[in-house]
Amino acid sequence: MLGPAGSFKTCYPALLERSEMLQPEDNILQVETIVAKCCFYRKQVEGAEVSKTPSSPSGGRKRLAVQDELVKMLDEANCLYWATSLMTLVYNFIDDKLICRPLVYSPPIIPRLCIVHTALAIPQDTRESHNAVYLLEERISGQFVKYINNNCATPRHSLAPAKLEIATFLCFAQHAQYHFSQGLVFVSDFQGMLFCLFLSLT
């Protein structure tokens, strides 16, 4: 397992072998290394105190049924799908404005960020107990950065200048997404590496 378990997912190094049916231009197939994420729940041990520590007896991880795994992982994949579309909307808006309204001064540097490429791996036979639904993601190396908390549309405190610039842009992206969706949706909890993001959808 890569690092400690999260709130509801574990992460493992993975290898993707492409069959002839899969086209090489599919995004997840272009990345060099991937990880496989599997969801779980924590089963409370009878008589044990509630603990948030993953290694504690009361924090034991249990597999969900494959059907339940699929529902949860589909939600996760759909959030990433919509987040990619919402970030594309922001960049299209910026590019259109830069073309339509020539600037007197040089335009600011626009961070060109991307959402991690993902795919779902679904077992062909769901009756086998060892089969599981996995969320495949490109593996990102480097320092992990949390740019914006999910409860406030402002940059996190104490960010280095380069990271603060990215966080400020991401705050703008949130406001643009909220505006163009007429208050329906925006991407929250921006976190990741310098040019690749993990996130949640609000």
Protein backbone atom coordinates (compact mmCIF):
# COMPACT_ATOMS: atom_id res chain seq x y z
CA MET A 1 0.00 0.00 0.00
CA LEU A 2 1.24 3.50 -0.83
CA GLY A 3 1.12 5.47 2.41
CA PRO A 4 -1.50 5.20 5.16
CA ALA A 5 -5.15 4.58 4.35
CA GLY A 6 -7.29 7.65 3.82
CA SER A 7 -10.80 8.30 5.10
CA PHE A 8 -12.38 5.69 2.85
CA LYS A 9 -9.82 4.57 0.23
CA THR A 10 -6.56 2.65 0.13
CA CYS A 11 -3.98 3.17 -2.61
CA TYR A 12 -1.72 0.58 -4.25
CA PRO A 13 0.86 0.61 -7.06
CA ALA A 14 -0.67 -0.91 -10.19
CA LEU A 15 0.20 -2.12 -13.66
CA LEU A 16 -2.16 -1.79 -16.60
CA GLU A 17 -1.89 -4.32 -19.40
CA ARG A 18 -3.72 -3.13 -22.49
CA SER A 19 -5.71 -5.58 -24.59
CA GLU A 20 -6.21 -5.14 -28.33
CA MET A 21 -9.72 -3.84 -27.66
CA LEU A 22 -8.42 -0.76 -25.85
CA GLN A 23 -7.29 2.16 -27.98
CA PRO A 24 -3.90 3.72 -27.06
CA GLU A 25 -5.29 7.26 -27.29
CA ASP A 26 -7.42 6.76 -24.17
CA ASN A 27 -6.08 9.19 -21.56
CA ILE A 28 -5.41 6.76 -18.73
CA LEU A 29 -3.42 4.57 -21.13
CA GLN A 30 -1.01 7.39 -21.95
CA VAL A 31 0.38 7.78 -18.43
CA GLU A 32 3.60 6.05 -17.40
CA THR A 33 2.66 4.82 -13.94
CA ILE A 34 -0.69 4.37 -12.23
CA VAL A 35 -2.14 3.57 -8.84
CA ALA A 36 -5.27 1.59 -7.95
CA LYS A 37 -7.58 2.91 -5.24
CA CYS A 38 -10.09 0.73 -3.43
CA CYS A 39 -12.81 1.93 -1.05
CA PHE A 40 -13.51 0.50 2.39
CA TYR A 41 -15.39 1.13 5.60
CA ARG A 42 -14.25 0.85 9.19
CA LYS A 43 -15.96 -1.76 11.33
CA GLN A 44 -16.38 -0.85 14.97
CA VAL A 45 -15.14 -3.60 17.29
CA GLU A 46 -17.71 -4.34 19.99
CA GLY A 47 -16.65 -2.82 23.30
CA ALA A 48 -13.78 -0.82 21.77
CA GLU A 49 -13.56 2.94 22.05
CA VAL A 50 -14.15 4.92 18.89
CA SER A 51 -10.81 5.93 17.38
CA LYS A 52 -9.81 7.82 14.26
CA THR A 53 -6.45 6.11 14.16
CA PRO A 54 -6.42 3.70 11.17
CA SER A 55 -4.13 1.22 12.94
CA SER A 56 -6.27 0.97 16.06
CA PRO A 57 -8.46 -2.11 16.69
CA SER A 58 -11.61 -0.02 16.26
CA GLY A 59 -10.32 1.35 12.97
CA GLY A 60 -10.26 -2.01 11.14
CA ARG A 61 -10.86 -1.70 7.40
CA LYS A 62 -13.51 -3.86 5.74
CA ARG A 63 -14.32 -4.39 2.06
CA LEU A 64 -17.68 -3.35 0.68
CA ALA A 65 -19.71 -5.61 -1.57
CA VAL A 66 -18.69 -5.20 -5.21
CA GLN A 67 -22.04 -3.60 -6.07
CA ASP A 68 -21.55 -1.02 -3.31
CA GLU A 69 -17.94 -0.43 -4.37
CA LEU A 70 -19.15 0.29 -7.88
CA VAL A 71 -21.66 2.90 -6.69
CA LYS A 72 -19.04 4.72 -4.59
CA MET A 73 -16.32 4.58 -7.23
CA LEU A 74 -18.73 5.76 -9.95
CA ASP A 75 -19.48 8.81 -7.79
CA GLU A 76 -15.74 9.45 -7.44
CA ALA A 77 -15.11 9.03 -11.18
CA ASN A 78 -18.05 11.27 -12.08
CA CYS A 79 -16.73 14.01 -9.78
CA LEU A 80 -13.36 13.87 -11.54
CA TYR A 81 -15.10 13.90 -14.93
CA TRP A 82 -17.13 16.98 -14.05
CA ALA A 83 -14.14 18.67 -12.43
CA THR A 84 -12.19 18.25 -15.66
CA SER A 85 -15.06 19.82 -17.61
CA LEU A 86 -15.35 22.70 -15.15
CA MET A 87 -11.63 23.47 -15.36
CA THR A 88 -11.85 23.33 -19.17
CA LEU A 89 -14.69 25.86 -18.99
CA VAL A 90 -12.49 28.23 -16.98
CA TYR A 91 -9.58 27.97 -19.42
CA ASN A 92 -11.88 28.45 -22.42
CA PHE A 93 -13.26 31.60 -20.80
CA ILE A 94 -9.76 32.96 -20.16
CA ASP A 95 -8.51 32.16 -23.66
CA ASP A 96 -11.57 33.76 -25.28
CA LYS A 97 -11.12 36.94 -23.25
CA LEU A 98 -7.43 37.18 -24.12
CA ILE A 99 -8.31 36.92 -27.82
CA CYS A 100 -11.32 39.26 -27.80
CA ARG A 101 -9.86 41.97 -25.57
CA PRO A 102 -6.24 42.82 -26.36
CA LEU A 103 -4.45 43.87 -23.19
CA VAL A 104 -2.50 47.09 -22.79
CA TYR A 105 -0.09 45.29 -20.49
CA SER A 106 1.35 41.81 -20.70
CA PRO A 107 -1.19 39.22 -19.53
CA PRO A 108 -0.59 37.61 -16.16
CA ILE A 109 0.91 34.14 -16.09
CA ILE A 110 -1.96 31.67 -16.13
CA PRO A 111 -1.13 28.37 -14.38
CA ARG A 112 -2.02 25.54 -16.77
CA LEU A 113 -3.21 22.81 -14.45
CA CYS A 114 -4.86 19.48 -15.11
CA ILE A 115 -7.00 16.99 -13.24
CA VAL A 116 -5.44 13.55 -12.80
CA HIS A 117 -6.40 11.04 -15.49
CA THR A 118 -8.62 8.31 -14.09
CA ALA A 119 -10.57 5.22 -15.11
CA LEU A 120 -12.66 2.55 -13.43
CA ALA A 121 -11.53 -1.07 -13.35
CA ILE A 122 -14.60 -3.28 -12.93
CA PRO A 123 -14.31 -7.06 -12.48
CA GLN A 124 -16.00 -9.19 -15.13
CA ASP A 125 -17.18 -11.69 -12.52
CA THR A 126 -18.59 -9.97 -9.44
CA ARG A 127 -19.31 -13.29 -7.73
CA GLU A 128 -15.66 -13.87 -6.83
CA SER A 129 -15.03 -12.55 -3.31
CA HIS A 130 -11.48 -11.37 -4.06
CA ASN A 131 -12.58 -9.23 -7.02
CA ALA A 132 -12.95 -5.50 -6.41
CA VAL A 133 -13.78 -2.26 -8.20
CA TYR A 134 -10.72 -0.02 -8.46
CA LEU A 135 -10.32 3.61 -9.37
CA LEU A 136 -7.19 3.86 -11.52
CA GLU A 137 -5.30 7.15 -11.35
CA GLU A 138 -2.06 8.36 -12.83
CA ARG A 139 0.63 8.29 -10.18
CA ILE A 140 1.96 11.73 -9.34
CA SER A 141 5.39 12.20 -7.80
CA GLY A 142 6.54 15.24 -5.90
CA GLN A 143 5.48 17.36 -2.97
CA PHE A 144 1.80 17.21 -2.09
CA VAL A 145 0.23 20.65 -1.61
CA LYS A 146 -3.19 21.64 -0.31
CA TYR A 147 -4.01 24.94 -2.01
CA ILE A 148 -7.52 25.70 -0.74
CA ASN A 149 -9.53 24.32 2.17
CA ASN A 150 -12.96 23.00 1.25
CA ASN A 151 -14.69 25.40 3.65
CA CYS A 152 -13.28 28.69 2.33
CA ALA A 153 -12.65 30.08 -1.16
CA THR A 154 -9.36 31.73 -0.21
CA PRO A 155 -5.76 30.48 -0.47
CA ARG A 156 -4.36 28.58 2.49
CA HIS A 157 -2.02 30.48 4.77
CA SER A 158 1.78 30.19 4.61
CA LEU A 159 2.00 29.07 0.97
CA ALA A 160 5.25 29.79 -0.86
CA PRO A 161 4.96 32.54 -3.55
CA ALA A 162 4.74 30.12 -6.51
CA LYS A 163 2.12 28.02 -4.75
CA LEU A 164 0.22 31.11 -3.60
CA GLU A 165 -0.01 32.21 -7.24
CA ILE A 166 -1.59 28.88 -8.14
CA ALA A 167 -3.94 29.01 -5.14
CA THR A 168 -5.09 32.52 -6.10
CA PHE A 169 -5.82 31.32 -9.64
CA LEU A 170 -7.78 28.36 -8.27
CA CYS A 171 -9.89 30.74 -6.16
CA PHE A 172 -10.68 32.64 -9.35
CA ALA A 173 -11.54 29.33 -11.02
CA GLN A 174 -14.01 28.53 -8.24
CA HIS A 175 -15.74 31.89 -8.63
CA ALA A 176 -15.90 31.49 -12.43
CA GLN A 177 -17.37 27.99 -12.13
CA TYR A 178 -19.95 29.18 -9.61
CA HIS A 179 -20.89 32.09 -11.88
CA PHE A 180 -21.18 30.14 -15.14
CA SER A 181 -23.13 27.31 -13.50
CA GLN A 182 -25.52 29.91 -12.04
CA GLY A 183 -24.60 28.93 -8.52
CA LEU A 184 -25.05 25.20 -9.01
CA VAL A 185 -21.52 23.83 -8.73
CA PHE A 186 -17.83 24.56 -8.25
CA VAL A 187 -14.72 22.50 -7.59
CA SER A 188 -13.58 22.59 -3.96
CA ASP A 189 -10.73 21.29 -1.83
CA PHE A 190 -8.02 21.85 -4.44
CA GLN A 191 -4.93 19.82 -3.57
CA GLY A 192 -2.16 18.05 -5.43
CA MET A 193 1.20 18.76 -7.00
CA LEU A 194 2.28 21.88 -8.85
CA PHE A 195 0.58 21.06 -12.14
CA CYS A 196 -1.74 18.16 -11.38
CA LEU A 197 -4.70 18.33 -9.05
CA PHE A 198 -6.83 16.07 -6.90
CA LEU A 199 -10.07 17.58 -5.73
CA SER A 200 -13.68 17.23 -4.72
CA LEU A 201 -16.83 18.63 -6.26
CA THR A 202 -19.33 20.81 -4.41
